[in-house]
Amino acid sequence: MTAGEGMSAADIVNGASEHELARIFREFGEERHANRIARAIAADRQAEPFTRTLQLAGMIERVTARTRERTSTRPHACFRRCGSR
């Protein structure tokens, strides 16, 4: 990555530790299920890295029991905020 480029959401999802993901979800997304989502990401990415937004949305829907429409709003917004820093 060159100077001035932010990290992509895929870089964050597939590279950050479970603890760091939970912190990102809490700090940037005000996500009450931050630990649960971070734990599921860490477990799921061991089998296969996240490459599509729908993979992440489906996993969040599964662990939080949210509807698809509400699933991605906060977690995806926090990746945009975090990646732009």
C-alpha atoms as a PDB file:
ATOM      1  CA  MET A   1       0.000   0.000   0.000  1.00  0.00           C
ATOM      2  CA  THR A   2       1.325   3.458  -0.847  1.00  0.00           C
ATOM      3  CA  ALA A   3       1.271   6.456   1.453  1.00  0.00           C
ATOM      4  CA  GLY A   4      -2.161   8.008   1.691  1.00  0.00           C
ATOM      5  CA  GLU A   5      -4.079   4.840   0.826  1.00  0.00           C
ATOM      6  CA  GLY A   6      -6.441   3.487   3.444  1.00  0.00           C
ATOM      7  CA  MET A   7      -6.965  -0.173   4.126  1.00  0.00           C
ATOM      8  CA  SER A   8      -9.804  -1.902   2.336  1.00  0.00           C
ATOM      9  CA  ALA A   9     -12.632  -3.516   4.265  1.00  0.00           C
ATOM     10  CA  ALA A  10     -11.341  -6.909   3.081  1.00  0.00           C
ATOM     11  CA  ASP A  11      -7.889  -6.114   4.541  1.00  0.00           C
ATOM     12  CA  ILE A  12      -9.473  -5.270   7.879  1.00  0.00           C
ATOM     13  CA  VAL A  13     -11.908  -8.215   7.997  1.00  0.00           C
ATOM     14  CA  ASN A  14      -9.304 -10.772   6.972  1.00  0.00           C
ATOM     15  CA  GLY A  15      -6.276  -9.323   8.745  1.00  0.00           C
ATOM     16  CA  ALA A  16      -7.312  -7.729  12.032  1.00  0.00           C
ATOM     17  CA  SER A  17      -7.322  -9.695  15.252  1.00  0.00           C
ATOM     18  CA  GLU A  18     -10.602 -10.644  16.910  1.00  0.00           C
ATOM     19  CA  HIS A  19      -9.909  -8.068  19.629  1.00  0.00           C
ATOM     20  CA  GLU A  20      -9.205  -5.328  17.064  1.00  0.00           C
ATOM     21  CA  LEU A  21     -12.352  -6.167  15.081  1.00  0.00           C
ATOM     22  CA  ALA A  22     -14.474  -5.923  18.226  1.00  0.00           C
ATOM     23  CA  ARG A  23     -12.888  -2.565  19.040  1.00  0.00           C
ATOM     24  CA  ILE A  24     -13.568  -1.294  15.509  1.00  0.00           C
ATOM     25  CA  PHE A  25     -17.206  -2.394  15.671  1.00  0.00           C
ATOM     26  CA  ARG A  26     -17.696  -0.742  19.067  1.00  0.00           C
ATOM     27  CA  GLU A  27     -15.779   2.466  18.338  1.00  0.00           C
ATOM     28  CA  PHE A  28     -16.755   3.175  14.733  1.00  0.00           C
ATOM     29  CA  GLY A  29     -20.080   1.367  14.482  1.00  0.00           C
ATOM     30  CA  GLU A  30     -21.511   1.551  17.999  1.00  0.00           C
ATOM     31  CA  GLU A  31     -22.337  -2.125  17.517  1.00  0.00           C
ATOM     32  CA  ARG A  32     -23.760  -3.858  20.597  1.00  0.00           C
ATOM     33  CA  HIS A  33     -22.908  -7.304  19.171  1.00  0.00           C
ATOM     34  CA  ALA A  34     -19.271  -6.330  18.528  1.00  0.00           C
ATOM     35  CA  ASN A  35     -17.681  -9.275  20.354  1.00  0.00           C
ATOM     36  CA  ARG A  36     -20.062 -11.830  18.866  1.00  0.00           C
ATOM     37  CA  ILE A  37     -19.495 -10.553  15.308  1.00  0.00           C
ATOM     38  CA  ALA A  38     -15.713 -10.369  15.759  1.00  0.00           C
ATOM     39  CA  ARG A  39     -15.615 -13.927  17.134  1.00  0.00           C
ATOM     40  CA  ALA A  40     -17.646 -15.228  14.177  1.00  0.00           C
ATOM     41  CA  ILE A  41     -15.461 -13.386  11.645  1.00  0.00           C
ATOM     42  CA  ALA A  42     -12.310 -14.868  13.192  1.00  0.00           C
ATOM     43  CA  ALA A  43     -13.785 -18.375  13.077  1.00  0.00           C
ATOM     44  CA  ASP A  44     -15.275 -18.140   9.572  1.00  0.00           C
ATOM     45  CA  ARG A  45     -12.202 -16.609   7.903  1.00  0.00           C
ATOM     46  CA  GLN A  46     -10.068 -19.581   8.957  1.00  0.00           C
ATOM     47  CA  ALA A  47     -12.031 -21.762   6.553  1.00  0.00           C
ATOM     48  CA  GLU A  48     -12.227 -19.147   3.794  1.00  0.00           C
ATOM     49  CA  PRO A  49     -11.302 -15.447   3.689  1.00  0.00           C
ATOM     50  CA  PHE A  50     -14.104 -12.956   3.193  1.00  0.00           C
ATOM     51  CA  THR A  51     -14.131 -11.720  -0.396  1.00  0.00           C
ATOM     52  CA  ARG A  52     -17.714 -10.535  -0.865  1.00  0.00           C
ATOM     53  CA  THR A  53     -19.891  -8.159   1.104  1.00  0.00           C
ATOM     54  CA  LEU A  54     -22.750 -10.667   1.062  1.00  0.00           C
ATOM     55  CA  GLN A  55     -20.547 -13.236   2.827  1.00  0.00           C
ATOM     56  CA  LEU A  56     -20.036 -10.796   5.677  1.00  0.00           C
ATOM     57  CA  ALA A  57     -23.690  -9.701   5.699  1.00  0.00           C
ATOM     58  CA  GLY A  58     -24.859 -13.327   5.816  1.00  0.00           C
ATOM     59  CA  MET A  59     -22.545 -14.112   8.709  1.00  0.00           C
ATOM     60  CA  ILE A  60     -23.697 -11.007  10.646  1.00  0.00           C
ATOM     61  CA  GLU A  61     -27.307 -11.928   9.985  1.00  0.00           C
ATOM     62  CA  ARG A  62     -26.627 -15.439  11.298  1.00  0.00           C
ATOM     63  CA  VAL A  63     -24.969 -14.357  14.555  1.00  0.00           C
ATOM     64  CA  THR A  64     -27.193 -11.371  15.375  1.00  0.00           C
ATOM     65  CA  ALA A  65     -30.561 -12.628  14.066  1.00  0.00           C
ATOM     66  CA  ARG A  66     -31.089  -9.373  12.180  1.00  0.00           C
ATOM     67  CA  THR A  67     -32.939  -9.066   8.921  1.00  0.00           C
ATOM     68  CA  ARG A  68     -30.835  -8.655   5.773  1.00  0.00           C
ATOM     69  CA  GLU A  69     -31.905  -5.011   5.400  1.00  0.00           C
ATOM     70  CA  ARG A  70     -30.544  -4.055   8.831  1.00  0.00           C
ATOM     71  CA  THR A  71     -27.596  -6.434   8.861  1.00  0.00           C
ATOM     72  CA  SER A  72     -24.947  -4.421   7.167  1.00  0.00           C
ATOM     73  CA  THR A  73     -25.625  -0.834   8.074  1.00  0.00           C
ATOM     74  CA  ARG A  74     -23.505  -0.356  11.214  1.00  0.00           C
ATOM     75  CA  PRO A  75     -20.713  -2.896  10.607  1.00  0.00           C
ATOM     76  CA  HIS A  76     -20.135  -1.783   7.014  1.00  0.00           C
ATOM     77  CA  ALA A  77     -20.252   1.887   7.962  1.00  0.00           C
ATOM     78  CA  CYS A  78     -17.571   1.332  10.580  1.00  0.00           C
ATOM     79  CA  PHE A  79     -15.274  -0.270   7.963  1.00  0.00           C
ATOM     80  CA  ARG A  80     -15.697   2.803   5.779  1.00  0.00           C
ATOM     81  CA  ARG A  81     -14.835   5.072   8.718  1.00  0.00           C
ATOM     82  CA  CYS A  82     -11.940   2.925   9.900  1.00  0.00           C
ATOM     83  CA  GLY A  83     -10.481   2.413   6.408  1.00  0.00           C
ATOM     84  CA  SER A  84     -10.456   6.118   5.656  1.00  0.00           C
ATOM     85  CA  ARG A  85      -8.166   6.948   8.590  1.00  0.00           C
END
